[in-house]
Amino acid sequence: MKASKQPAVPRTRARPNSRGGVKSCLRALDVIDYFTHVGAPARTFEVSEALGIPNSSADEILRTLAASGYLSYNRLTKRYAPSYKLIATARGIEHSFFGGDYVHDLLDDIRVETGATVYLTLQNDCWIESVAEIRGGWLKSAEDVDFPTEVIHFDRDRWRPGTNFAAAMLAQQSNAEIIELAARAQKLGLGPQGPVLMKYLVDRVARTRAKGFAVARRSDTVILDSLAVPLQVPHSVAPYAVGVVGDSLFESEGDIKKMAGALRSVILRHSETIYRGSMRAPAGVQ
């Protein structure tokens, strides 16, 4: 994960713009996410100010979520709070698609084993989404860091994996799928148009596939050490990668091999349990 200092352009500008109902849906998810960070009941104006949306929009979303049972509402204090229906829904999804608590336990065991901060990432079209983080003791500068979000990045005269986490996700795909993704990135304006040689990109991914991990080391332009490995997640329709990030994880090639071995050992230890848990999913879930 080639972290750098804060970027000049917000990462969200690269994404397609949302409109209409899609925007409302995203705002509803932002409201739910708001409560995870605040950890306390809130009035409409507090949600509105925190998310930077009109008070009327926040009010409509909060009322709709409360009417559906996902939020509770006190008419005297005019405060909203999450209801347990949100927890039950999330737990049901976790059980059906992720084998219960096993993915969380896997991430926590990696943190215990390595002492580093653990990231779980997902490929979301042409972008990387960080979907889970467990803080460790070796990451002190995260607040000043921007993590690149493009799965495939065009640099100078060639396409390359956007980060080592991206390389770990690409390693789970065929060369044809990788080239198709690069073509889509071109279409979305993430790189130059026209025919571009993909050999460097394919070769980089092939090396990650052969080693089983991808590493990024501190340098003049990379301010954090990180190491990522592919992760098979039950019922996933897109690749995942899991890895560790820290201010100083490696001093030698031996340290890198030791860290990669630790990650793979924990994943192997949990893989059978995750698989068994996912097989208990309700009928009809594929």
C-alpha atoms as a PDB file:
ATOM      1  CA  MET A   1       0.000   0.000   0.000  1.00  0.00           C
ATOM      2  CA  LYS A   2       2.075   2.915  -1.270  1.00  0.00           C
ATOM      3  CA  ALA A   3       0.902   5.525   1.176  1.00  0.00           C
ATOM      4  CA  SER A   4       1.843   9.158   0.623  1.00  0.00           C
ATOM      5  CA  LYS A   5       1.117  12.518   2.223  1.00  0.00           C
ATOM      6  CA  GLN A   6      -2.327  14.031   1.840  1.00  0.00           C
ATOM      7  CA  PRO A   7      -3.286  14.419  -1.858  1.00  0.00           C
ATOM      8  CA  ALA A   8      -4.101  17.683  -3.593  1.00  0.00           C
ATOM      9  CA  VAL A   9      -7.255  16.216  -5.184  1.00  0.00           C
ATOM     10  CA  PRO A  10      -9.884  14.381  -3.101  1.00  0.00           C
ATOM     11  CA  ARG A  11     -10.135  10.746  -4.127  1.00  0.00           C
ATOM     12  CA  THR A  12     -13.907  10.938  -4.559  1.00  0.00           C
ATOM     13  CA  ARG A  13     -13.542  13.111  -7.673  1.00  0.00           C
ATOM     14  CA  ALA A  14     -12.355  10.120  -9.647  1.00  0.00           C
ATOM     15  CA  ARG A  15     -15.566   8.229  -9.062  1.00  0.00           C
ATOM     16  CA  PRO A  16     -18.669   8.430 -11.217  1.00  0.00           C
ATOM     17  CA  ASN A  17     -21.174  10.915  -9.835  1.00  0.00           C
ATOM     18  CA  SER A  18     -24.321   9.607  -8.142  1.00  0.00           C
ATOM     19  CA  ARG A  19     -27.742  10.983  -8.971  1.00  0.00           C
ATOM     20  CA  GLY A  20     -31.303  10.882  -7.668  1.00  0.00           C
ATOM     21  CA  GLY A  21     -32.276   7.791  -5.731  1.00  0.00           C
ATOM     22  CA  VAL A  22     -28.719   6.498  -5.731  1.00  0.00           C
ATOM     23  CA  LYS A  23     -27.590   9.638  -3.926  1.00  0.00           C
ATOM     24  CA  SER A  24     -30.363   9.248  -1.351  1.00  0.00           C
ATOM     25  CA  CYS A  25     -29.351   5.631  -0.794  1.00  0.00           C
ATOM     26  CA  LEU A  26     -25.739   6.621  -0.193  1.00  0.00           C
ATOM     27  CA  ARG A  27     -26.815   9.358   2.201  1.00  0.00           C
ATOM     28  CA  ALA A  28     -28.836   6.830   4.188  1.00  0.00           C
ATOM     29  CA  LEU A  29     -25.747   4.662   4.525  1.00  0.00           C
ATOM     30  CA  ASP A  30     -23.758   7.742   5.558  1.00  0.00           C
ATOM     31  CA  VAL A  31     -26.308   8.383   8.310  1.00  0.00           C
ATOM     32  CA  ILE A  32     -25.879   4.835   9.599  1.00  0.00           C
ATOM     33  CA  ASP A  33     -22.113   5.215   9.440  1.00  0.00           C
ATOM     34  CA  TYR A  34     -22.401   8.502  11.338  1.00  0.00           C
ATOM     35  CA  PHE A  35     -23.726   6.669  14.406  1.00  0.00           C
ATOM     36  CA  THR A  36     -20.803   4.216  14.344  1.00  0.00           C
ATOM     37  CA  HIS A  37     -18.390   7.119  14.776  1.00  0.00           C
ATOM     38  CA  VAL A  38     -20.400   9.278  17.174  1.00  0.00           C
ATOM     39  CA  GLY A  39     -21.539   6.470  19.445  1.00  0.00           C
ATOM     40  CA  ALA A  40     -24.426   8.489  20.901  1.00  0.00           C
ATOM     41  CA  PRO A  41     -28.031   9.486  20.059  1.00  0.00           C
ATOM     42  CA  ALA A  42     -28.326  12.561  17.849  1.00  0.00           C
ATOM     43  CA  ARG A  43     -30.821  15.174  16.700  1.00  0.00           C
ATOM     44  CA  THR A  44     -31.504  15.899  13.049  1.00  0.00           C
ATOM     45  CA  PHE A  45     -29.469  19.099  12.917  1.00  0.00           C
ATOM     46  CA  GLU A  46     -26.434  17.310  14.399  1.00  0.00           C
ATOM     47  CA  VAL A  47     -26.553  14.670  11.658  1.00  0.00           C
ATOM     48  CA  SER A  48     -27.134  17.345   9.026  1.00  0.00           C
ATOM     49  CA  GLU A  49     -24.142  19.424  10.128  1.00  0.00           C
ATOM     50  CA  ALA A  50     -21.826  16.447  10.511  1.00  0.00           C
ATOM     51  CA  LEU A  51     -22.598  15.071   7.040  1.00  0.00           C
ATOM     52  CA  GLY A  52     -22.900  18.414   5.286  1.00  0.00           C
ATOM     53  CA  ILE A  53     -26.374  17.731   3.897  1.00  0.00           C
ATOM     54  CA  PRO A  54     -29.544  19.855   4.061  1.00  0.00           C
ATOM     55  CA  ASN A  55     -31.514  19.559   7.286  1.00  0.00           C
ATOM     56  CA  SER A  56     -34.597  18.532   5.287  1.00  0.00           C
ATOM     57  CA  SER A  57     -32.704  15.655   3.655  1.00  0.00           C
ATOM     58  CA  ALA A  58     -31.328  14.448   6.978  1.00  0.00           C
ATOM     59  CA  ASP A  59     -34.808  14.658   8.513  1.00  0.00           C
ATOM     60  CA  GLU A  60     -36.358  12.592   5.693  1.00  0.00           C
ATOM     61  CA  ILE A  61     -33.668   9.902   5.914  1.00  0.00           C
ATOM     62  CA  LEU A  62     -33.856   9.665   9.702  1.00  0.00           C
ATOM     63  CA  ARG A  63     -37.661   9.444   9.665  1.00  0.00           C
ATOM     64  CA  THR A  64     -37.580   6.738   6.969  1.00  0.00           C
ATOM     65  CA  LEU A  65     -35.008   4.649   8.840  1.00  0.00           C
ATOM     66  CA  ALA A  66     -36.991   5.027  12.071  1.00  0.00           C
ATOM     67  CA  ALA A  67     -40.251   4.034  10.336  1.00  0.00           C
ATOM     68  CA  SER A  68     -38.484   0.909   9.025  1.00  0.00           C
ATOM     69  CA  GLY A  69     -37.251   0.012  12.505  1.00  0.00           C
ATOM     70  CA  TYR A  70     -33.551   0.532  11.801  1.00  0.00           C
ATOM     71  CA  LEU A  71     -33.439   3.597  14.067  1.00  0.00           C
ATOM     72  CA  SER A  72     -35.315   4.357  17.267  1.00  0.00           C
ATOM     73  CA  TYR A  73     -36.758   7.814  17.955  1.00  0.00           C
ATOM     74  CA  ASN A  74     -37.708   9.675  21.139  1.00  0.00           C
ATOM     75  CA  ARG A  75     -40.384  12.292  20.490  1.00  0.00           C
ATOM     76  CA  LEU A  76     -39.589  14.208  23.698  1.00  0.00           C
ATOM     77  CA  THR A  77     -35.836  14.588  23.208  1.00  0.00           C
ATOM     78  CA  LYS A  78     -36.107  14.440  19.385  1.00  0.00           C
ATOM     79  CA  ARG A  79     -33.086  12.172  19.321  1.00  0.00           C
ATOM     80  CA  TYR A  80     -32.438   9.197  17.061  1.00  0.00           C
ATOM     81  CA  ALA A  81     -30.335   6.133  17.818  1.00  0.00           C
ATOM     82  CA  PRO A  82     -29.670   2.805  16.046  1.00  0.00           C
ATOM     83  CA  SER A  83     -32.055  -0.007  16.933  1.00  0.00           C
ATOM     84  CA  TYR A  84     -30.992  -3.601  17.376  1.00  0.00           C
ATOM     85  CA  LYS A  85     -32.574  -4.386  14.005  1.00  0.00           C
ATOM     86  CA  LEU A  86     -29.420  -2.967  12.400  1.00  0.00           C
ATOM     87  CA  ILE A  87     -27.263  -5.331  14.449  1.00  0.00           C
ATOM     88  CA  ALA A  88     -29.466  -8.322  13.696  1.00  0.00           C
ATOM     89  CA  THR A  89     -29.394  -7.527   9.971  1.00  0.00           C
ATOM     90  CA  ALA A  90     -25.623  -7.124   9.943  1.00  0.00           C
ATOM     91  CA  ARG A  91     -25.143 -10.315  11.947  1.00  0.00           C
ATOM     92  CA  GLY A  92     -27.394 -12.192   9.547  1.00  0.00           C
ATOM     93  CA  ILE A  93     -25.333 -11.029   6.580  1.00  0.00           C
ATOM     94  CA  GLU A  94     -22.120 -11.879   8.404  1.00  0.00           C
ATOM     95  CA  HIS A  95     -23.385 -15.382   9.133  1.00  0.00           C
ATOM     96  CA  SER A  96     -24.690 -16.017   5.611  1.00  0.00           C
ATOM     97  CA  PHE A  97     -21.799 -14.585   3.620  1.00  0.00           C
ATOM     98  CA  PHE A  98     -18.729 -14.533   5.874  1.00  0.00           C
ATOM     99  CA  GLY A  99     -19.007 -17.624   8.051  1.00  0.00           C
ATOM    100  CA  GLY A 100     -20.080 -15.866  11.231  1.00  0.00           C
ATOM    101  CA  ASP A 101     -17.352 -14.180  13.286  1.00  0.00           C
ATOM    102  CA  TYR A 102     -14.544 -15.953  11.501  1.00  0.00           C
ATOM    103  CA  VAL A 103     -13.362 -13.112   9.265  1.00  0.00           C
ATOM    104  CA  HIS A 104     -13.213 -10.754  12.239  1.00  0.00           C
ATOM    105  CA  ASP A 105     -11.343 -13.405  14.222  1.00  0.00           C
ATOM    106  CA  LEU A 106      -8.920 -13.831  11.328  1.00  0.00           C
ATOM    107  CA  LEU A 107      -8.151 -10.099  11.231  1.00  0.00           C
ATOM    108  CA  ASP A 108      -7.750  -9.946  14.993  1.00  0.00           C
ATOM    109  CA  ASP A 109      -5.401 -12.939  14.994  1.00  0.00           C
ATOM    110  CA  ILE A 110      -3.240 -11.281  12.326  1.00  0.00           C
ATOM    111  CA  ARG A 111      -2.994  -8.191  14.519  1.00  0.00           C
ATOM    112  CA  VAL A 112      -2.027 -10.293  17.548  1.00  0.00           C
ATOM    113  CA  GLU A 113       0.472 -12.323  15.527  1.00  0.00           C
ATOM    114  CA  THR A 114       2.181  -9.358  13.857  1.00  0.00           C
ATOM    115  CA  GLY A 115       1.490  -6.371  16.120  1.00  0.00           C
ATOM    116  CA  ALA A 116       0.766  -4.307  13.006  1.00  0.00           C
ATOM    117  CA  THR A 117      -2.376  -2.536  11.829  1.00  0.00           C
ATOM    118  CA  VAL A 118      -4.493  -4.877   9.695  1.00  0.00           C
ATOM    119  CA  TYR A 119      -6.478  -3.816   6.636  1.00  0.00           C
ATOM    120  CA  LEU A 120      -9.070  -5.805   4.720  1.00  0.00           C
ATOM    121  CA  THR A 121      -9.632  -4.450   1.211  1.00  0.00           C
ATOM    122  CA  LEU A 122     -12.102  -5.221  -1.553  1.00  0.00           C
ATOM    123  CA  GLN A 123     -11.953  -4.506  -5.285  1.00  0.00           C
ATOM    124  CA  ASN A 124     -14.876  -2.244  -6.129  1.00  0.00           C
ATOM    125  CA  ASP A 125     -14.863  -1.944  -9.929  1.00  0.00           C
ATOM    126  CA  CYS A 126     -11.670   0.041 -10.671  1.00  0.00           C
ATOM    127  CA  TRP A 127     -11.161   1.143  -7.076  1.00  0.00           C
ATOM    128  CA  ILE A 128      -9.904  -0.275  -3.810  1.00  0.00           C
ATOM    129  CA  GLU A 129     -12.227  -0.121  -0.825  1.00  0.00           C
ATOM    130  CA  SER A 130     -10.836  -0.500   2.671  1.00  0.00           C
ATOM    131  CA  VAL A 131     -13.681  -2.370   4.363  1.00  0.00           C
ATOM    132  CA  ALA A 132     -12.156  -3.196   7.769  1.00  0.00           C
ATOM    133  CA  GLU A 133      -9.285  -1.981   9.916  1.00  0.00           C
ATOM    134  CA  ILE A 134      -7.906  -3.207  13.229  1.00  0.00           C
ATOM    135  CA  ARG A 135      -5.326  -0.853  14.688  1.00  0.00           C
ATOM    136  CA  GLY A 136      -2.007  -2.179  15.824  1.00  0.00           C
ATOM    137  CA  GLY A 137       0.927  -0.591  17.592  1.00  0.00           C
ATOM    138  CA  TRP A 138       3.140   0.068  14.539  1.00  0.00           C
ATOM    139  CA  LEU A 139       1.126   2.724  12.753  1.00  0.00           C
ATOM    140  CA  LYS A 140       1.468   6.202  14.166  1.00  0.00           C
ATOM    141  CA  SER A 141       1.133   8.433  11.089  1.00  0.00           C
ATOM    142  CA  ALA A 142      -2.155   7.220   9.546  1.00  0.00           C
ATOM    143  CA  GLU A 143      -3.973  10.518  10.106  1.00  0.00           C
ATOM    144  CA  ASP A 144      -1.562  12.288   7.729  1.00  0.00           C
ATOM    145  CA  VAL A 145      -1.586   9.546   5.113  1.00  0.00           C
ATOM    146  CA  ASP A 146      -3.567   8.997   1.941  1.00  0.00           C
ATOM    147  CA  PHE A 147      -3.914   5.469   0.605  1.00  0.00           C
ATOM    148  CA  PRO A 148      -4.284   5.282  -3.193  1.00  0.00           C
ATOM    149  CA  THR A 149      -7.607   3.900  -4.340  1.00  0.00           C
ATOM    150  CA  GLU A 150      -7.115   2.886  -7.984  1.00  0.00           C
ATOM    151  CA  VAL A 151      -6.724  -0.849  -8.564  1.00  0.00           C
ATOM    152  CA  ILE A 152      -4.761  -0.199 -11.758  1.00  0.00           C
ATOM    153  CA  HIS A 153      -2.732   2.983 -12.027  1.00  0.00           C
ATOM    154  CA  PHE A 154      -1.065   4.558 -15.074  1.00  0.00           C
ATOM    155  CA  ASP A 155       2.369   5.929 -14.178  1.00  0.00           C
ATOM    156  CA  ARG A 156       4.637   7.569 -16.757  1.00  0.00           C
ATOM    157  CA  ASP A 157       4.371   5.177 -19.694  1.00  0.00           C
ATOM    158  CA  ARG A 158       2.837   2.023 -18.240  1.00  0.00           C
ATOM    159  CA  TRP A 159      -0.011   0.481 -16.297  1.00  0.00           C
ATOM    160  CA  ARG A 160       0.788  -1.016 -12.922  1.00  0.00           C
ATOM    161  CA  PRO A 161      -1.095  -2.188  -9.814  1.00  0.00           C
ATOM    162  CA  GLY A 162      -2.211   0.859  -7.843  1.00  0.00           C
ATOM    163  CA  THR A 163      -0.881  -0.575  -4.576  1.00  0.00           C
ATOM    164  CA  ASN A 164       0.449  -3.853  -3.254  1.00  0.00           C
ATOM    165  CA  PHE A 165      -3.053  -4.557  -1.928  1.00  0.00           C
ATOM    166  CA  ALA A 166      -4.311  -4.075  -5.485  1.00  0.00           C
ATOM    167  CA  ALA A 167      -1.648  -6.496  -6.738  1.00  0.00           C
ATOM    168  CA  ALA A 168      -2.865  -9.117  -4.239  1.00  0.00           C
ATOM    169  CA  MET A 169      -6.417  -8.722  -5.526  1.00  0.00           C
ATOM    170  CA  LEU A 170      -5.348  -8.790  -9.179  1.00  0.00           C
ATOM    171  CA  ALA A 171      -3.368 -11.983  -8.516  1.00  0.00           C
ATOM    172  CA  GLN A 172      -6.697 -13.776  -8.117  1.00  0.00           C
ATOM    173  CA  GLN A 173      -7.736 -12.877 -11.674  1.00  0.00           C
ATOM    174  CA  SER A 174      -6.759 -14.122 -15.121  1.00  0.00           C
ATOM    175  CA  ASN A 175      -4.602 -12.043 -17.465  1.00  0.00           C
ATOM    176  CA  ALA A 176      -7.653 -11.488 -19.674  1.00  0.00           C
ATOM    177  CA  GLU A 177      -9.619 -10.106 -16.701  1.00  0.00           C
ATOM    178  CA  ILE A 178      -6.730  -7.809 -15.766  1.00  0.00           C
ATOM    179  CA  ILE A 179      -6.460  -6.401 -19.288  1.00  0.00           C
ATOM    180  CA  GLU A 180     -10.227  -5.939 -19.416  1.00  0.00           C
ATOM    181  CA  LEU A 181     -10.055  -3.977 -16.143  1.00  0.00           C
ATOM    182  CA  ALA A 182      -7.323  -1.750 -17.603  1.00  0.00           C
ATOM    183  CA  ALA A 183      -9.534  -1.087 -20.625  1.00  0.00           C
ATOM    184  CA  ARG A 184     -12.367  -0.084 -18.289  1.00  0.00           C
ATOM    185  CA  ALA A 185     -10.004   2.222 -16.394  1.00  0.00           C
ATOM    186  CA  GLN A 186      -9.182   3.886 -19.723  1.00  0.00           C
ATOM    187  CA  LYS A 187     -12.882   4.281 -20.474  1.00  0.00           C
ATOM    188  CA  LEU A 188     -13.404   5.951 -17.083  1.00  0.00           C
ATOM    189  CA  GLY A 189     -10.563   8.372 -17.747  1.00  0.00           C
ATOM    190  CA  LEU A 190      -8.132   6.916 -15.206  1.00  0.00           C
ATOM    191  CA  GLY A 191      -5.415   6.657 -17.854  1.00  0.00           C
ATOM    192  CA  PRO A 192      -4.623   7.613 -21.463  1.00  0.00           C
ATOM    193  CA  GLN A 193      -6.799   6.390 -24.294  1.00  0.00           C
ATOM    194  CA  GLY A 194      -5.573   4.186 -27.126  1.00  0.00           C
ATOM    195  CA  PRO A 195      -3.595   0.939 -27.209  1.00  0.00           C
ATOM    196  CA  VAL A 196      -1.098   0.611 -24.364  1.00  0.00           C
ATOM    197  CA  LEU A 197       1.222  -2.310 -23.714  1.00  0.00           C
ATOM    198  CA  MET A 198       0.053  -4.325 -20.719  1.00  0.00           C
ATOM    199  CA  LYS A 199       3.130  -6.557 -20.354  1.00  0.00           C
ATOM    200  CA  TYR A 200       4.524  -4.697 -17.344  1.00  0.00           C
ATOM    201  CA  LEU A 201       1.170  -4.886 -15.520  1.00  0.00           C
ATOM    202  CA  VAL A 202       0.687  -8.578 -16.276  1.00  0.00           C
ATOM    203  CA  ASP A 203       4.289  -9.379 -15.272  1.00  0.00           C
ATOM    204  CA  ARG A 204       3.951  -7.511 -11.960  1.00  0.00           C
ATOM    205  CA  VAL A 205       0.786  -9.414 -11.104  1.00  0.00           C
ATOM    206  CA  ALA A 206       2.401 -12.702 -12.154  1.00  0.00           C
ATOM    207  CA  ARG A 207       5.257 -12.092  -9.678  1.00  0.00           C
ATOM    208  CA  THR A 208       2.744 -11.451  -6.899  1.00  0.00           C
ATOM    209  CA  ARG A 209       0.858 -14.597  -7.869  1.00  0.00           C
ATOM    210  CA  ALA A 210       4.069 -16.645  -7.745  1.00  0.00           C
ATOM    211  CA  LYS A 211       5.230 -15.263  -4.371  1.00  0.00           C
ATOM    212  CA  GLY A 212       1.805 -15.252  -2.778  1.00  0.00           C
ATOM    213  CA  PHE A 213       2.224 -11.719  -1.424  1.00  0.00           C
ATOM    214  CA  ALA A 214       3.006  -8.140  -2.475  1.00  0.00           C
ATOM    215  CA  VAL A 215       5.146  -5.744  -0.472  1.00  0.00           C
ATOM    216  CA  ALA A 216       5.681  -1.980  -0.377  1.00  0.00           C
ATOM    217  CA  ARG A 217       8.715  -0.702   1.527  1.00  0.00           C
ATOM    218  CA  ARG A 218       9.488   2.734   2.898  1.00  0.00           C
ATOM    219  CA  SER A 219      11.347   5.036   0.544  1.00  0.00           C
ATOM    220  CA  ASP A 220      11.559   8.700  -0.403  1.00  0.00           C
ATOM    221  CA  THR A 221       8.024   8.504  -1.817  1.00  0.00           C
ATOM    222  CA  VAL A 222       6.526   5.685   0.285  1.00  0.00           C
ATOM    223  CA  ILE A 223       6.194   6.550   3.964  1.00  0.00           C
ATOM    224  CA  LEU A 224       4.893   3.231   5.325  1.00  0.00           C
ATOM    225  CA  ASP A 225       5.812  -0.431   5.111  1.00  0.00           C
ATOM    226  CA  SER A 226       3.015  -2.791   4.108  1.00  0.00           C
ATOM    227  CA  LEU A 227       2.489  -6.358   2.971  1.00  0.00           C
ATOM    228  CA  ALA A 228      -0.672  -7.800   1.412  1.00  0.00           C
ATOM    229  CA  VAL A 229      -1.833 -11.297   0.514  1.00  0.00           C
ATOM    230  CA  PRO A 230      -4.880 -12.544  -1.428  1.00  0.00           C
ATOM    231  CA  LEU A 231      -7.815 -13.660   0.697  1.00  0.00           C
ATOM    232  CA  GLN A 232     -10.579 -16.031  -0.354  1.00  0.00           C
ATOM    233  CA  VAL A 233     -13.866 -14.933   1.215  1.00  0.00           C
ATOM    234  CA  PRO A 234     -16.960 -17.178   1.052  1.00  0.00           C
ATOM    235  CA  HIS A 235     -19.626 -16.121  -1.464  1.00  0.00           C
ATOM    236  CA  SER A 236     -17.550 -13.149  -2.618  1.00  0.00           C
ATOM    237  CA  VAL A 237     -18.174 -11.790  -6.116  1.00  0.00           C
ATOM    238  CA  ALA A 238     -15.049  -9.583  -6.070  1.00  0.00           C
ATOM    239  CA  PRO A 239     -11.454 -10.166  -4.892  1.00  0.00           C
ATOM    240  CA  TYR A 240     -10.327  -9.368  -1.352  1.00  0.00           C
ATOM    241  CA  ALA A 241      -6.850  -8.789   0.040  1.00  0.00           C
ATOM    242  CA  VAL A 242      -5.694  -8.660   3.634  1.00  0.00           C
ATOM    243  CA  GLY A 243      -2.465  -7.159   4.879  1.00  0.00           C
ATOM    244  CA  VAL A 244      -0.500  -5.298   7.486  1.00  0.00           C
ATOM    245  CA  VAL A 245       0.641  -1.684   7.546  1.00  0.00           C
ATOM    246  CA  GLY A 246       3.148   0.022   9.838  1.00  0.00           C
ATOM    247  CA  ASP A 247       5.721   2.768  10.120  1.00  0.00           C
ATOM    248  CA  SER A 248       8.571   0.253  10.261  1.00  0.00           C
ATOM    249  CA  LEU A 249       7.750  -3.392   9.640  1.00  0.00           C
ATOM    250  CA  PHE A 250      10.764  -4.581   7.677  1.00  0.00           C
ATOM    251  CA  GLU A 251      14.500  -4.073   7.962  1.00  0.00           C
ATOM    252  CA  SER A 252      15.536  -6.946   5.712  1.00  0.00           C
ATOM    253  CA  GLU A 253      14.286  -9.491   3.196  1.00  0.00           C
ATOM    254  CA  GLY A 254      14.174 -11.956   6.066  1.00  0.00           C
ATOM    255  CA  ASP A 255      11.698  -9.714   7.895  1.00  0.00           C
ATOM    256  CA  ILE A 256       9.477  -9.632   4.801  1.00  0.00           C
ATOM    257  CA  LYS A 257       9.481 -13.413   4.466  1.00  0.00           C
ATOM    258  CA  LYS A 258       8.759 -13.806   8.163  1.00  0.00           C
ATOM    259  CA  MET A 259       5.816 -11.390   7.993  1.00  0.00           C
ATOM    260  CA  ALA A 260       4.415 -13.052   4.854  1.00  0.00           C
ATOM    261  CA  GLY A 261       4.736 -16.436   6.526  1.00  0.00           C
ATOM    262  CA  ALA A 262       2.889 -15.187   9.604  1.00  0.00           C
ATOM    263  CA  LEU A 263      -0.026 -13.899   7.506  1.00  0.00           C
ATOM    264  CA  ARG A 264      -0.308 -17.072   5.485  1.00  0.00           C
ATOM    265  CA  SER A 265      -0.118 -19.197   8.627  1.00  0.00           C
ATOM    266  CA  VAL A 266      -3.021 -17.339  10.255  1.00  0.00           C
ATOM    267  CA  ILE A 267      -5.099 -17.508   7.055  1.00  0.00           C
ATOM    268  CA  LEU A 268      -4.465 -21.227   6.735  1.00  0.00           C
ATOM    269  CA  ARG A 269      -5.428 -21.719  10.371  1.00  0.00           C
ATOM    270  CA  HIS A 270      -8.770 -19.994   9.796  1.00  0.00           C
ATOM    271  CA  SER A 271      -9.584 -21.045   6.241  1.00  0.00           C
ATOM    272  CA  GLU A 272     -11.246 -24.343   7.112  1.00  0.00           C
ATOM    273  CA  THR A 273     -13.302 -22.722   9.857  1.00  0.00           C
ATOM    274  CA  ILE A 274     -14.426 -19.918   7.523  1.00  0.00           C
ATOM    275  CA  TYR A 275     -15.370 -22.471   4.886  1.00  0.00           C
ATOM    276  CA  ARG A 276     -17.370 -24.575   7.353  1.00  0.00           C
ATOM    277  CA  GLY A 277     -19.168 -21.499   8.661  1.00  0.00           C
ATOM    278  CA  SER A 278     -20.094 -20.329   5.176  1.00  0.00           C
ATOM    279  CA  MET A 279     -21.562 -23.733   4.339  1.00  0.00           C
ATOM    280  CA  ARG A 280     -24.142 -23.150   7.076  1.00  0.00           C
ATOM    281  CA  ALA A 281     -25.594 -20.268   5.060  1.00  0.00           C
ATOM    282  CA  PRO A 282     -29.340 -20.425   4.372  1.00  0.00           C
ATOM    283  CA  ALA A 283     -30.479 -22.236   1.261  1.00  0.00           C
ATOM    284  CA  GLY A 284     -30.503 -20.071  -1.861  1.00  0.00           C
ATOM    285  CA  VAL A 285     -27.401 -18.060  -0.957  1.00  0.00           C
ATOM    286  CA  GLN A 286     -24.749 -18.644  -3.610  1.00  0.00           C
END
